[in-house]
Amino acid sequence: MSERTTDLTTAVGAALAERRQAADEATRPERERIERQAAADVKLMGTPAWDALGGFRRAQATRYATRPVTSGGAGDAA
């Protein structure tokens, strides 16, 4: 590749990364709200309140409870 092509590829990659980051930031509050709701719903497992939850909320809570644990998250004490 020529230097000009490499520069263009780098610029396009940077612009796409910037767009992805902006989109991620825009949707963060909604993702965090859903995660907080799922975390609260997990605490209801095994109670009558769990049975009263709709199927979608139970599915979200179950998915939240069984998600892989990653390090470095906001709630990580590491």
Protein backbone atom coordinates (compact mmCIF):
# COMPACT_ATOMS: atom_id res chain seq x y z
CA MET A 1 0.00 0.00 0.00
CA SER A 2 1.11 3.50 -0.64
CA GLU A 3 1.58 5.98 2.17
CA ARG A 4 -1.48 7.90 1.02
CA THR A 5 -3.67 4.76 1.13
CA THR A 6 -2.35 3.92 4.60
CA ASP A 7 -3.12 7.44 5.83
CA LEU A 8 -6.63 7.26 4.38
CA THR A 9 -7.23 3.84 5.94
CA THR A 10 -6.01 5.15 9.30
CA ALA A 11 -8.24 8.22 9.06
CA VAL A 12 -11.32 6.18 8.15
CA GLY A 13 -10.61 3.74 10.98
CA ALA A 14 -10.26 6.61 13.45
CA ALA A 15 -13.50 8.21 12.25
CA LEU A 16 -15.39 4.92 12.61
CA ALA A 17 -13.96 4.36 16.09
CA GLU A 18 -15.04 7.87 17.07
CA ARG A 19 -18.57 7.23 15.78
CA ARG A 20 -18.78 3.92 17.66
CA GLN A 21 -17.63 5.60 20.86
CA ALA A 22 -20.18 8.40 20.45
CA ALA A 23 -22.97 5.87 19.85
CA ASP A 24 -21.84 3.88 22.89
CA GLU A 25 -21.88 7.00 25.06
CA ALA A 26 -25.36 7.94 23.80
CA THR A 27 -26.82 4.55 24.71
CA ARG A 28 -24.98 4.12 28.02
CA PRO A 29 -27.72 5.53 30.31
CA GLU A 30 -30.31 3.11 28.92
CA ARG A 31 -27.94 0.13 29.17
CA GLU A 32 -27.11 1.05 32.76
CA ARG A 33 -30.80 1.41 33.62
CA ILE A 34 -31.54 -2.04 32.19
CA GLU A 35 -28.60 -3.53 34.08
CA ARG A 36 -29.75 -1.97 37.39
CA GLN A 37 -33.26 -3.33 36.81
CA ALA A 38 -31.92 -6.81 36.04
CA ALA A 39 -29.72 -6.72 39.15
CA ALA A 40 -32.74 -5.81 41.27
CA ASP A 41 -34.86 -8.51 39.63
CA VAL A 42 -32.19 -11.16 40.31
CA LYS A 43 -32.72 -10.56 44.03
CA LEU A 44 -36.34 -11.65 43.58
CA MET A 45 -35.46 -15.14 42.35
CA GLY A 46 -37.26 -17.80 44.35
CA THR A 47 -39.86 -15.41 45.76
CA PRO A 48 -43.49 -14.86 44.81
CA ALA A 49 -42.44 -11.49 43.35
CA TRP A 50 -40.22 -13.38 40.87
CA ASP A 51 -43.23 -15.36 39.69
CA ALA A 52 -45.12 -12.10 39.20
CA LEU A 53 -42.45 -10.68 36.86
CA GLY A 54 -43.10 -10.96 33.17
CA GLY A 55 -41.21 -13.50 31.11
CA PHE A 56 -39.03 -10.88 29.45
CA ARG A 57 -37.85 -9.42 32.77
CA ARG A 58 -37.19 -12.90 34.16
CA ALA A 59 -35.16 -13.69 31.04
CA GLN A 60 -33.15 -10.47 31.37
CA ALA A 61 -32.49 -11.14 35.06
CA THR A 62 -31.43 -14.72 34.35
CA ARG A 63 -29.11 -13.55 31.59
CA TYR A 64 -27.68 -10.93 33.97
CA ALA A 65 -27.16 -13.49 36.74
CA THR A 66 -25.41 -15.97 34.44
CA ARG A 67 -23.26 -13.50 32.47
CA PRO A 68 -19.51 -14.04 32.42
CA VAL A 69 -17.71 -11.93 34.99
CA THR A 70 -15.21 -9.51 33.48
CA SER A 71 -12.55 -7.60 35.32
CA GLY A 72 -12.12 -3.87 35.16
CA GLY A 73 -15.82 -2.99 35.16
CA ALA A 74 -17.28 -0.02 36.99
CA GLY A 75 -18.47 -2.22 39.84
CA ASP A 76 -15.17 -4.05 40.18
CA ALA A 77 -13.34 -3.68 43.46
CA ALA A 78 -10.01 -4.78 41.93
